[in-house]
Amino acid sequence: MPTRAQLVLVAGAVIAVGLAPIALAYVQLGATPDAGIGTSDRPGEDVTRALDRAVFEAASGVPGNHSWSDREAAVATVENRLGPRLATLRTSGLREGVVHEIEYNETAAQAWAAEDCPGGPDRQFGDCEAIGGVVVQDRGGRTHVLGVAVDLRVTADRRSARSTRRIHV
């Protein structure tokens, strides 16, 4: 007749064998690819989509609150609204081992303002100006945010991708 210790040992082995498939399924469900690195031809797509939304939200209400002569304050408003969102995006992939570096690109913003400023007949649009990576335009004496130019660098385990993006409002 088996002893009590042997019965406990057999019961433990049966439970362990029963839990093995559950543990394996749990590990497989938790596996996620690096956010955009190695899984896409365009690393950082998720971050770019989040930047699109963040810039749009940061620019909302600016024309109603800032005249063209107050454009530097308008840009400060946009940057202040974007600050917490950029901080969140920079750290959003750390659990997966992905680092997002996002910095304003004033040079790209200046080129955008010089080369792609909307205008033409029947438009009441004035000049465009780049202030610290944010492109604004005078429209009827109000400051309109056209967008933000940023440098984006996405770094994972053994791969890194860099790009300069124009985030349009």
N, C-alpha and C. Protein backbone atom coordinates (compact mmCIF):
# COMPACT_ATOMS: atom_id res chain seq x y z
N MET A 1 0.83 -1.17 0.00
CA MET A 1 0.00 0.00 0.00
C MET A 1 0.89 1.25 0.00
N PRO A 2 0.58 2.25 -0.90
CA PRO A 2 1.43 3.43 -0.97
C PRO A 2 1.31 4.26 0.30
N THR A 3 2.40 4.90 0.63
CA THR A 3 2.39 5.77 1.80
C THR A 3 1.81 7.13 1.44
N ARG A 4 1.52 7.86 2.46
CA ARG A 4 0.92 9.19 2.27
C ARG A 4 1.84 10.10 1.45
N ALA A 5 3.12 10.06 1.67
CA ALA A 5 4.09 10.88 0.95
C ALA A 5 4.10 10.54 -0.53
N GLN A 6 3.95 9.27 -0.87
CA GLN A 6 3.92 8.87 -2.27
C GLN A 6 2.67 9.40 -2.96
N LEU A 7 1.52 9.40 -2.26
CA LEU A 7 0.28 9.91 -2.83
C LEU A 7 0.39 11.43 -3.09
N VAL A 8 1.00 12.15 -2.18
CA VAL A 8 1.18 13.59 -2.36
C VAL A 8 2.09 13.85 -3.55
N LEU A 9 3.13 13.07 -3.69
CA LEU A 9 4.07 13.22 -4.81
C LEU A 9 3.37 12.95 -6.14
N VAL A 10 2.57 11.89 -6.22
CA VAL A 10 1.85 11.56 -7.45
C VAL A 10 0.82 12.66 -7.77
N ALA A 11 0.11 13.14 -6.76
CA ALA A 11 -0.87 14.20 -6.99
C ALA A 11 -0.19 15.46 -7.52
N GLY A 12 0.95 15.81 -6.98
CA GLY A 12 1.70 16.98 -7.46
C GLY A 12 2.14 16.82 -8.91
N ALA A 13 2.57 15.61 -9.28
CA ALA A 13 2.99 15.36 -10.66
C ALA A 13 1.82 15.49 -11.62
N VAL A 14 0.64 14.98 -11.23
CA VAL A 14 -0.55 15.07 -12.07
C VAL A 14 -0.94 16.54 -12.28
N ILE A 15 -0.90 17.32 -11.22
CA ILE A 15 -1.23 18.75 -11.33
C ILE A 15 -0.23 19.47 -12.23
N ALA A 16 1.04 19.17 -12.08
CA ALA A 16 2.08 19.81 -12.91
C ALA A 16 1.87 19.49 -14.38
N VAL A 17 1.56 18.23 -14.69
CA VAL A 17 1.33 17.84 -16.09
C VAL A 17 0.09 18.56 -16.62
N GLY A 18 -0.92 18.75 -15.81
CA GLY A 18 -2.13 19.44 -16.23
C GLY A 18 -1.92 20.93 -16.45
N LEU A 19 -1.02 21.55 -15.69
CA LEU A 19 -0.76 22.99 -15.82
C LEU A 19 0.21 23.33 -16.94
N ALA A 20 0.97 22.38 -17.43
CA ALA A 20 1.97 22.65 -18.47
C ALA A 20 1.35 23.26 -19.72
N PRO A 21 0.24 22.72 -20.29
CA PRO A 21 -0.34 23.36 -21.48
C PRO A 21 -0.87 24.77 -21.20
N ILE A 22 -1.38 24.99 -20.00
CA ILE A 22 -1.88 26.32 -19.65
C ILE A 22 -0.73 27.32 -19.61
N ALA A 23 0.38 26.92 -19.00
CA ALA A 23 1.55 27.80 -18.92
C ALA A 23 2.10 28.09 -20.32
N LEU A 24 2.14 27.11 -21.18
CA LEU A 24 2.63 27.31 -22.55
C LEU A 24 1.72 28.28 -23.31
N ALA A 25 0.41 28.12 -23.17
CA ALA A 25 -0.53 29.03 -23.85
C ALA A 25 -0.36 30.45 -23.32
N TYR A 26 -0.16 30.62 -22.04
CA TYR A 26 0.03 31.94 -21.44
C TYR A 26 1.27 32.62 -22.00
N VAL A 27 2.36 31.88 -22.11
CA VAL A 27 3.61 32.45 -22.63
C VAL A 27 3.43 32.87 -24.09
N GLN A 28 2.73 32.05 -24.87
CA GLN A 28 2.53 32.39 -26.28
C GLN A 28 1.62 33.59 -26.46
N LEU A 29 0.60 33.75 -25.65
CA LEU A 29 -0.29 34.89 -25.76
C LEU A 29 0.41 36.19 -25.39
N GLY A 30 1.40 36.13 -24.54
CA GLY A 30 2.11 37.32 -24.11
C GLY A 30 3.18 37.77 -25.09
N ALA A 31 3.50 36.98 -26.10
CA ALA A 31 4.55 37.33 -27.06
C ALA A 31 4.05 38.41 -27.99
N THR A 32 4.80 39.50 -28.10
CA THR A 32 4.46 40.58 -29.02
C THR A 32 5.69 40.98 -29.80
N PRO A 33 5.53 41.33 -31.07
CA PRO A 33 6.68 41.80 -31.83
C PRO A 33 7.09 43.18 -31.37
N ASP A 34 8.34 43.57 -31.66
CA ASP A 34 8.80 44.92 -31.37
C ASP A 34 7.95 45.89 -32.17
N ALA A 35 7.50 46.94 -31.53
CA ALA A 35 6.56 47.87 -32.13
C ALA A 35 7.09 48.48 -33.42
N GLY A 36 6.83 47.84 -34.53
CA GLY A 36 7.19 48.39 -35.82
C GLY A 36 8.59 48.05 -36.29
N ILE A 37 9.46 47.59 -35.41
CA ILE A 37 10.83 47.26 -35.82
C ILE A 37 10.86 45.82 -36.27
N GLY A 38 11.26 45.60 -37.51
CA GLY A 38 11.39 44.25 -38.01
C GLY A 38 10.07 43.64 -38.48
N THR A 39 8.94 44.26 -38.20
CA THR A 39 7.65 43.72 -38.61
C THR A 39 7.03 44.55 -39.71
N SER A 40 7.65 45.61 -40.09
CA SER A 40 7.07 46.52 -41.07
C SER A 40 8.18 47.11 -41.92
N ASP A 41 7.81 47.51 -43.13
CA ASP A 41 8.77 48.20 -43.97
C ASP A 41 8.94 49.65 -43.53
N ARG A 42 8.04 50.13 -42.67
CA ARG A 42 8.08 51.51 -42.21
C ARG A 42 8.06 51.55 -40.69
N PRO A 43 9.22 51.40 -40.07
CA PRO A 43 9.26 51.42 -38.61
C PRO A 43 8.72 52.73 -38.05
N GLY A 44 8.04 52.62 -36.94
CA GLY A 44 7.53 53.80 -36.28
C GLY A 44 6.16 54.24 -36.75
N GLU A 45 5.44 53.40 -37.52
CA GLU A 45 4.11 53.80 -38.02
C GLU A 45 3.15 54.11 -36.87
N ASP A 46 3.17 53.29 -35.82
CA ASP A 46 2.27 53.53 -34.69
C ASP A 46 2.57 54.87 -34.03
N VAL A 47 3.85 55.19 -33.89
CA VAL A 47 4.24 56.46 -33.28
C VAL A 47 3.81 57.62 -34.17
N THR A 48 3.96 57.46 -35.47
CA THR A 48 3.56 58.52 -36.40
C THR A 48 2.06 58.77 -36.33
N ARG A 49 1.27 57.70 -36.27
CA ARG A 49 -0.19 57.89 -36.15
C ARG A 49 -0.53 58.61 -34.84
N ALA A 50 0.14 58.24 -33.77
CA ALA A 50 -0.10 58.90 -32.48
C ALA A 50 0.34 60.37 -32.55
N LEU A 51 1.45 60.65 -33.25
CA LEU A 51 1.89 62.04 -33.44
C LEU A 51 0.86 62.84 -34.23
N ASP A 52 0.30 62.23 -35.26
CA ASP A 52 -0.74 62.91 -36.05
C ASP A 52 -1.88 63.37 -35.15
N ARG A 53 -2.37 62.47 -34.31
CA ARG A 53 -3.48 62.82 -33.41
C ARG A 53 -3.05 63.88 -32.41
N ALA A 54 -1.86 63.72 -31.85
CA ALA A 54 -1.39 64.66 -30.83
C ALA A 54 -1.23 66.07 -31.38
N VAL A 55 -0.66 66.20 -32.58
CA VAL A 55 -0.47 67.52 -33.20
C VAL A 55 -1.82 68.14 -33.52
N PHE A 56 -2.74 67.35 -34.06
CA PHE A 56 -4.07 67.87 -34.36
C PHE A 56 -4.74 68.41 -33.10
N GLU A 57 -4.68 67.64 -32.02
CA GLU A 57 -5.30 68.07 -30.77
C GLU A 57 -4.60 69.30 -30.18
N ALA A 58 -3.26 69.34 -30.28
CA ALA A 58 -2.51 70.47 -29.73
C ALA A 58 -2.82 71.77 -30.49
N ALA A 59 -3.12 71.65 -31.79
CA ALA A 59 -3.37 72.85 -32.60
C ALA A 59 -4.82 73.32 -32.54
N SER A 60 -5.69 72.51 -31.99
CA SER A 60 -7.11 72.90 -31.97
C SER A 60 -7.32 74.13 -31.11
N GLY A 61 -8.09 75.04 -31.62
CA GLY A 61 -8.42 76.27 -30.90
C GLY A 61 -7.40 77.38 -31.01
N VAL A 62 -6.25 77.10 -31.62
CA VAL A 62 -5.21 78.13 -31.71
C VAL A 62 -5.67 79.35 -32.51
N PRO A 63 -6.28 79.21 -33.70
CA PRO A 63 -6.68 80.42 -34.44
C PRO A 63 -7.66 81.30 -33.67
N GLY A 64 -8.55 80.68 -32.91
CA GLY A 64 -9.52 81.47 -32.17
C GLY A 64 -8.93 82.21 -30.99
N ASN A 65 -7.78 81.76 -30.52
CA ASN A 65 -7.18 82.35 -29.33
C ASN A 65 -5.94 83.20 -29.59
N HIS A 66 -5.39 83.15 -30.81
CA HIS A 66 -4.12 83.85 -31.07
C HIS A 66 -4.16 84.59 -32.40
N SER A 67 -3.90 85.87 -32.33
CA SER A 67 -3.78 86.67 -33.54
C SER A 67 -2.40 86.40 -34.15
N TRP A 68 -2.20 86.90 -35.37
CA TRP A 68 -0.91 86.69 -36.03
C TRP A 68 0.22 87.36 -35.25
N SER A 69 -0.03 88.51 -34.67
CA SER A 69 1.02 89.18 -33.90
C SER A 69 1.35 88.40 -32.61
N ASP A 70 0.51 87.47 -32.24
CA ASP A 70 0.69 86.65 -31.04
C ASP A 70 1.14 85.23 -31.39
N ARG A 71 1.78 85.07 -32.58
CA ARG A 71 2.11 83.73 -33.08
C ARG A 71 3.12 82.98 -32.22
N GLU A 72 4.05 83.70 -31.57
CA GLU A 72 5.01 82.99 -30.71
C GLU A 72 4.31 82.38 -29.50
N ALA A 73 3.32 83.05 -28.97
CA ALA A 73 2.53 82.49 -27.87
C ALA A 73 1.70 81.30 -28.37
N ALA A 74 1.23 81.37 -29.61
CA ALA A 74 0.48 80.25 -30.19
C ALA A 74 1.36 79.02 -30.30
N VAL A 75 2.60 79.21 -30.74
CA VAL A 75 3.54 78.09 -30.85
C VAL A 75 3.86 77.54 -29.46
N ALA A 76 4.03 78.42 -28.48
CA ALA A 76 4.28 77.97 -27.11
C ALA A 76 3.11 77.14 -26.59
N THR A 77 1.89 77.53 -26.94
CA THR A 77 0.70 76.76 -26.55
C THR A 77 0.76 75.37 -27.16
N VAL A 78 1.07 75.28 -28.44
CA VAL A 78 1.16 73.99 -29.12
C VAL A 78 2.25 73.13 -28.47
N GLU A 79 3.42 73.72 -28.24
CA GLU A 79 4.51 72.96 -27.63
C GLU A 79 4.17 72.50 -26.22
N ASN A 80 3.51 73.34 -25.45
CA ASN A 80 3.10 72.96 -24.10
C ASN A 80 2.08 71.82 -24.11
N ARG A 81 1.17 71.87 -25.05
CA ARG A 81 0.17 70.80 -25.17
C ARG A 81 0.81 69.50 -25.65
N LEU A 82 1.79 69.62 -26.53
CA LEU A 82 2.46 68.43 -27.08
C LEU A 82 3.45 67.81 -26.09
N GLY A 83 4.02 68.60 -25.21
CA GLY A 83 5.06 68.12 -24.30
C GLY A 83 4.74 66.81 -23.60
N PRO A 84 3.62 66.71 -22.89
CA PRO A 84 3.31 65.45 -22.20
C PRO A 84 3.08 64.29 -23.16
N ARG A 85 2.47 64.56 -24.31
CA ARG A 85 2.23 63.49 -25.29
C ARG A 85 3.54 62.96 -25.85
N LEU A 86 4.50 63.87 -26.14
CA LEU A 86 5.80 63.44 -26.64
C LEU A 86 6.53 62.62 -25.59
N ALA A 87 6.45 63.04 -24.34
CA ALA A 87 7.10 62.28 -23.26
C ALA A 87 6.53 60.87 -23.17
N THR A 88 5.22 60.75 -23.32
CA THR A 88 4.58 59.43 -23.28
C THR A 88 5.02 58.59 -24.47
N LEU A 89 5.05 59.18 -25.66
CA LEU A 89 5.46 58.44 -26.86
C LEU A 89 6.91 58.00 -26.77
N ARG A 90 7.76 58.82 -26.18
CA ARG A 90 9.18 58.46 -26.07
C ARG A 90 9.37 57.20 -25.23
N THR A 91 8.52 56.99 -24.26
CA THR A 91 8.68 55.83 -23.36
C THR A 91 7.68 54.72 -23.66
N SER A 92 6.84 54.87 -24.66
CA SER A 92 5.75 53.92 -24.91
C SER A 92 6.23 52.52 -25.29
N GLY A 93 7.39 52.36 -25.83
CA GLY A 93 7.84 51.04 -26.25
C GLY A 93 8.90 50.41 -25.36
N LEU A 94 9.18 51.02 -24.23
CA LEU A 94 10.26 50.53 -23.38
C LEU A 94 10.04 49.10 -22.90
N ARG A 95 8.82 48.71 -22.61
CA ARG A 95 8.56 47.34 -22.16
C ARG A 95 8.93 46.33 -23.23
N GLU A 96 8.81 46.70 -24.49
CA GLU A 96 9.15 45.81 -25.59
C GLU A 96 10.58 46.00 -26.05
N GLY A 97 11.32 46.87 -25.40
CA GLY A 97 12.72 47.11 -25.78
C GLY A 97 12.87 48.05 -26.95
N VAL A 98 11.88 48.93 -27.16
CA VAL A 98 11.91 49.87 -28.27
C VAL A 98 11.98 51.29 -27.71
N VAL A 99 12.89 52.08 -28.25
CA VAL A 99 13.05 53.47 -27.81
C VAL A 99 12.65 54.38 -28.96
N HIS A 100 11.82 55.37 -28.65
CA HIS A 100 11.40 56.38 -29.64
C HIS A 100 12.03 57.71 -29.25
N GLU A 101 12.84 58.25 -30.14
CA GLU A 101 13.41 59.58 -29.92
C GLU A 101 12.67 60.53 -30.86
N ILE A 102 12.08 61.58 -30.28
CA ILE A 102 11.30 62.54 -31.06
C ILE A 102 11.80 63.94 -30.72
N GLU A 103 12.29 64.65 -31.72
CA GLU A 103 12.80 66.01 -31.53
C GLU A 103 12.26 66.91 -32.63
N TYR A 104 11.97 68.15 -32.28
CA TYR A 104 11.56 69.12 -33.29
C TYR A 104 12.70 69.34 -34.28
N ASN A 105 12.36 69.52 -35.56
CA ASN A 105 13.37 69.78 -36.59
C ASN A 105 13.08 71.15 -37.19
N GLU A 106 13.77 72.15 -36.69
CA GLU A 106 13.54 73.52 -37.14
C GLU A 106 13.94 73.73 -38.59
N THR A 107 14.99 73.06 -39.04
CA THR A 107 15.44 73.20 -40.43
C THR A 107 14.37 72.68 -41.39
N ALA A 108 13.80 71.52 -41.10
CA ALA A 108 12.74 70.97 -41.95
C ALA A 108 11.51 71.86 -41.90
N ALA A 109 11.21 72.43 -40.75
CA ALA A 109 10.06 73.33 -40.63
C ALA A 109 10.28 74.60 -41.46
N GLN A 110 11.50 75.13 -41.45
CA GLN A 110 11.80 76.32 -42.24
C GLN A 110 11.66 76.03 -43.73
N ALA A 111 12.14 74.86 -44.17
CA ALA A 111 12.00 74.48 -45.58
C ALA A 111 10.52 74.33 -45.94
N TRP A 112 9.74 73.74 -45.06
CA TRP A 112 8.30 73.59 -45.27
C TRP A 112 7.65 74.96 -45.42
N ALA A 113 7.96 75.87 -44.52
CA ALA A 113 7.37 77.22 -44.57
C ALA A 113 7.76 77.96 -45.85
N ALA A 114 9.00 77.76 -46.30
CA ALA A 114 9.48 78.46 -47.50
C ALA A 114 8.95 77.85 -48.79
N GLU A 115 8.80 76.52 -48.83
CA GLU A 115 8.48 75.84 -50.08
C GLU A 115 7.02 75.44 -50.23
N ASP A 116 6.32 75.18 -49.13
CA ASP A 116 4.97 74.64 -49.20
C ASP A 116 3.94 75.48 -48.46
N CYS A 117 4.10 76.76 -48.46
CA CYS A 117 3.15 77.65 -47.80
C CYS A 117 1.92 77.78 -48.68
N PRO A 118 0.72 77.38 -48.19
CA PRO A 118 -0.48 77.49 -49.04
C PRO A 118 -0.74 78.93 -49.43
N GLY A 119 -1.18 79.11 -50.65
CA GLY A 119 -1.48 80.45 -51.15
C GLY A 119 -2.22 80.34 -52.45
N GLY A 120 -2.20 81.39 -53.21
CA GLY A 120 -2.83 81.38 -54.52
C GLY A 120 -4.00 82.33 -54.59
N PRO A 121 -4.59 82.45 -55.80
CA PRO A 121 -5.71 83.36 -55.98
C PRO A 121 -6.91 82.93 -55.13
N ASP A 122 -7.69 83.92 -54.73
CA ASP A 122 -8.91 83.71 -53.94
C ASP A 122 -8.64 83.19 -52.53
N ARG A 123 -7.43 83.26 -52.08
CA ARG A 123 -7.12 82.86 -50.71
C ARG A 123 -6.68 84.10 -49.94
N GLN A 124 -7.11 84.19 -48.74
CA GLN A 124 -6.74 85.31 -47.88
C GLN A 124 -5.61 84.89 -46.94
N PHE A 125 -4.65 84.16 -47.47
CA PHE A 125 -3.57 83.64 -46.65
C PHE A 125 -2.36 84.54 -46.74
N GLY A 126 -1.69 84.70 -45.61
CA GLY A 126 -0.46 85.49 -45.58
C GLY A 126 0.76 84.59 -45.54
N ASP A 127 1.79 85.12 -44.94
CA ASP A 127 3.07 84.42 -44.88
C ASP A 127 3.01 83.23 -43.93
N CYS A 128 3.94 82.30 -44.17
CA CYS A 128 4.17 81.19 -43.26
C CYS A 128 5.46 81.47 -42.51
N GLU A 129 5.54 80.92 -41.30
CA GLU A 129 6.75 81.08 -40.50
C GLU A 129 6.98 79.80 -39.70
N ALA A 130 8.24 79.43 -39.60
CA ALA A 130 8.62 78.28 -38.77
C ALA A 130 9.20 78.82 -37.47
N ILE A 131 8.65 78.35 -36.37
CA ILE A 131 9.14 78.75 -35.06
C ILE A 131 9.42 77.47 -34.28
N GLY A 132 10.70 77.15 -34.13
CA GLY A 132 11.09 75.98 -33.35
C GLY A 132 10.51 74.66 -33.80
N GLY A 133 10.31 74.46 -35.08
CA GLY A 133 9.78 73.20 -35.58
C GLY A 133 8.29 73.21 -35.84
N VAL A 134 7.61 74.28 -35.45
CA VAL A 134 6.17 74.41 -35.68
C VAL A 134 5.97 75.41 -36.81
N VAL A 135 5.15 75.04 -37.80
CA VAL A 135 4.89 75.91 -38.95
C VAL A 135 3.52 76.55 -38.77
N VAL A 136 3.50 77.89 -38.81
CA VAL A 136 2.26 78.64 -38.66
C VAL A 136 2.07 79.55 -39.86
N GLN A 137 0.81 79.96 -40.10
CA GLN A 137 0.50 80.83 -41.23
C GLN A 137 -0.51 81.89 -40.79
N ASP A 138 -0.34 83.07 -41.36
CA ASP A 138 -1.27 84.19 -41.14
C ASP A 138 -2.47 83.99 -42.06
N ARG A 139 -3.62 83.78 -41.46
CA ARG A 139 -4.86 83.65 -42.23
C ARG A 139 -5.88 84.59 -41.64
N GLY A 140 -6.07 85.69 -42.33
CA GLY A 140 -7.04 86.68 -41.87
C GLY A 140 -6.68 87.30 -40.53
N GLY A 141 -5.37 87.45 -40.29
CA GLY A 141 -4.92 88.05 -39.04
C GLY A 141 -4.89 87.09 -37.86
N ARG A 142 -5.19 85.80 -38.09
CA ARG A 142 -5.17 84.79 -37.05
C ARG A 142 -4.02 83.82 -37.30
N THR A 143 -3.51 83.22 -36.25
CA THR A 143 -2.42 82.25 -36.38
C THR A 143 -3.00 80.86 -36.57
N HIS A 144 -2.71 80.26 -37.72
CA HIS A 144 -3.13 78.89 -38.02
C HIS A 144 -1.90 77.98 -38.01
N VAL A 145 -2.00 76.88 -37.30
CA VAL A 145 -0.90 75.91 -37.25
C VAL A 145 -1.05 74.97 -38.44
N LEU A 146 -0.01 74.94 -39.30
CA LEU A 146 -0.03 74.03 -40.44
C LEU A 146 0.48 72.65 -40.03
N GLY A 147 1.40 72.61 -39.08
CA GLY A 147 1.93 71.33 -38.65
C GLY A 147 3.24 71.48 -37.91
N VAL A 148 3.85 70.33 -37.67
CA VAL A 148 5.10 70.25 -36.91
C VAL A 148 6.06 69.36 -37.67
N ALA A 149 7.32 69.75 -37.74
CA ALA A 149 8.36 68.92 -38.34
C ALA A 149 9.19 68.30 -37.21
N VAL A 150 9.35 66.98 -37.27
CA VAL A 150 10.09 66.27 -36.23
C VAL A 150 11.07 65.28 -36.84
N ASP A 151 12.11 65.02 -36.08
CA ASP A 151 13.00 63.90 -36.37
C ASP A 151 12.55 62.75 -35.49
N LEU A 152 12.36 61.58 -36.09
CA LEU A 152 11.93 60.41 -35.37
C LEU A 152 12.97 59.32 -35.53
N ARG A 153 13.43 58.79 -34.41
CA ARG A 153 14.37 57.67 -34.44
C ARG A 153 13.78 56.55 -33.59
N VAL A 154 13.59 55.39 -34.19
CA VAL A 154 13.06 54.23 -33.50
C VAL A 154 14.18 53.20 -33.40
N THR A 155 14.51 52.81 -32.17
CA THR A 155 15.62 51.89 -31.95
C THR A 155 15.10 50.67 -31.19
N ALA A 156 15.44 49.49 -31.71
CA ALA A 156 15.11 48.23 -31.05
C ALA A 156 16.41 47.49 -30.79
N ASP A 157 16.30 46.21 -30.49
CA ASP A 157 17.44 45.40 -30.08
C ASP A 157 18.66 45.57 -30.99
N ARG A 158 18.53 45.27 -32.26
CA ARG A 158 19.67 45.36 -33.17
C ARG A 158 19.35 46.15 -34.43
N ARG A 159 18.38 47.04 -34.33
CA ARG A 159 17.98 47.78 -35.51
C ARG A 159 17.53 49.18 -35.12
N SER A 160 17.80 50.12 -36.01
CA SER A 160 17.42 51.50 -35.76
C SER A 160 16.95 52.12 -37.08
N ALA A 161 15.94 52.96 -36.99
CA ALA A 161 15.43 53.64 -38.18
C ALA A 161 15.25 55.11 -37.85
N ARG A 162 15.67 55.97 -38.79
CA ARG A 162 15.55 57.43 -38.63
C ARG A 162 14.73 57.99 -39.77
N SER A 163 13.97 59.02 -39.44
CA SER A 163 13.21 59.72 -40.48
C SER A 163 12.87 61.12 -39.99
N THR A 164 12.65 61.99 -40.94
CA THR A 164 12.14 63.33 -40.64
C THR A 164 10.71 63.34 -41.15
N ARG A 165 9.80 63.75 -40.29
CA ARG A 165 8.38 63.71 -40.63
C ARG A 165 7.76 65.09 -40.55
N ARG A 166 6.88 65.36 -41.49
CA ARG A 166 6.03 66.54 -41.42
C ARG A 166 4.67 66.06 -40.93
N ILE A 167 4.30 66.51 -39.77
CA ILE A 167 3.02 66.13 -39.20
C ILE A 167 2.03 67.26 -39.51
N HIS A 168 1.15 67.05 -40.46
CA HIS A 168 0.19 68.08 -40.90
C HIS A 168 -1.01 68.12 -39.97
N VAL A 169 -1.54 69.31 -39.79
CA VAL A 169 -2.78 69.47 -39.02
C VAL A 169 -3.94 69.23 -39.97
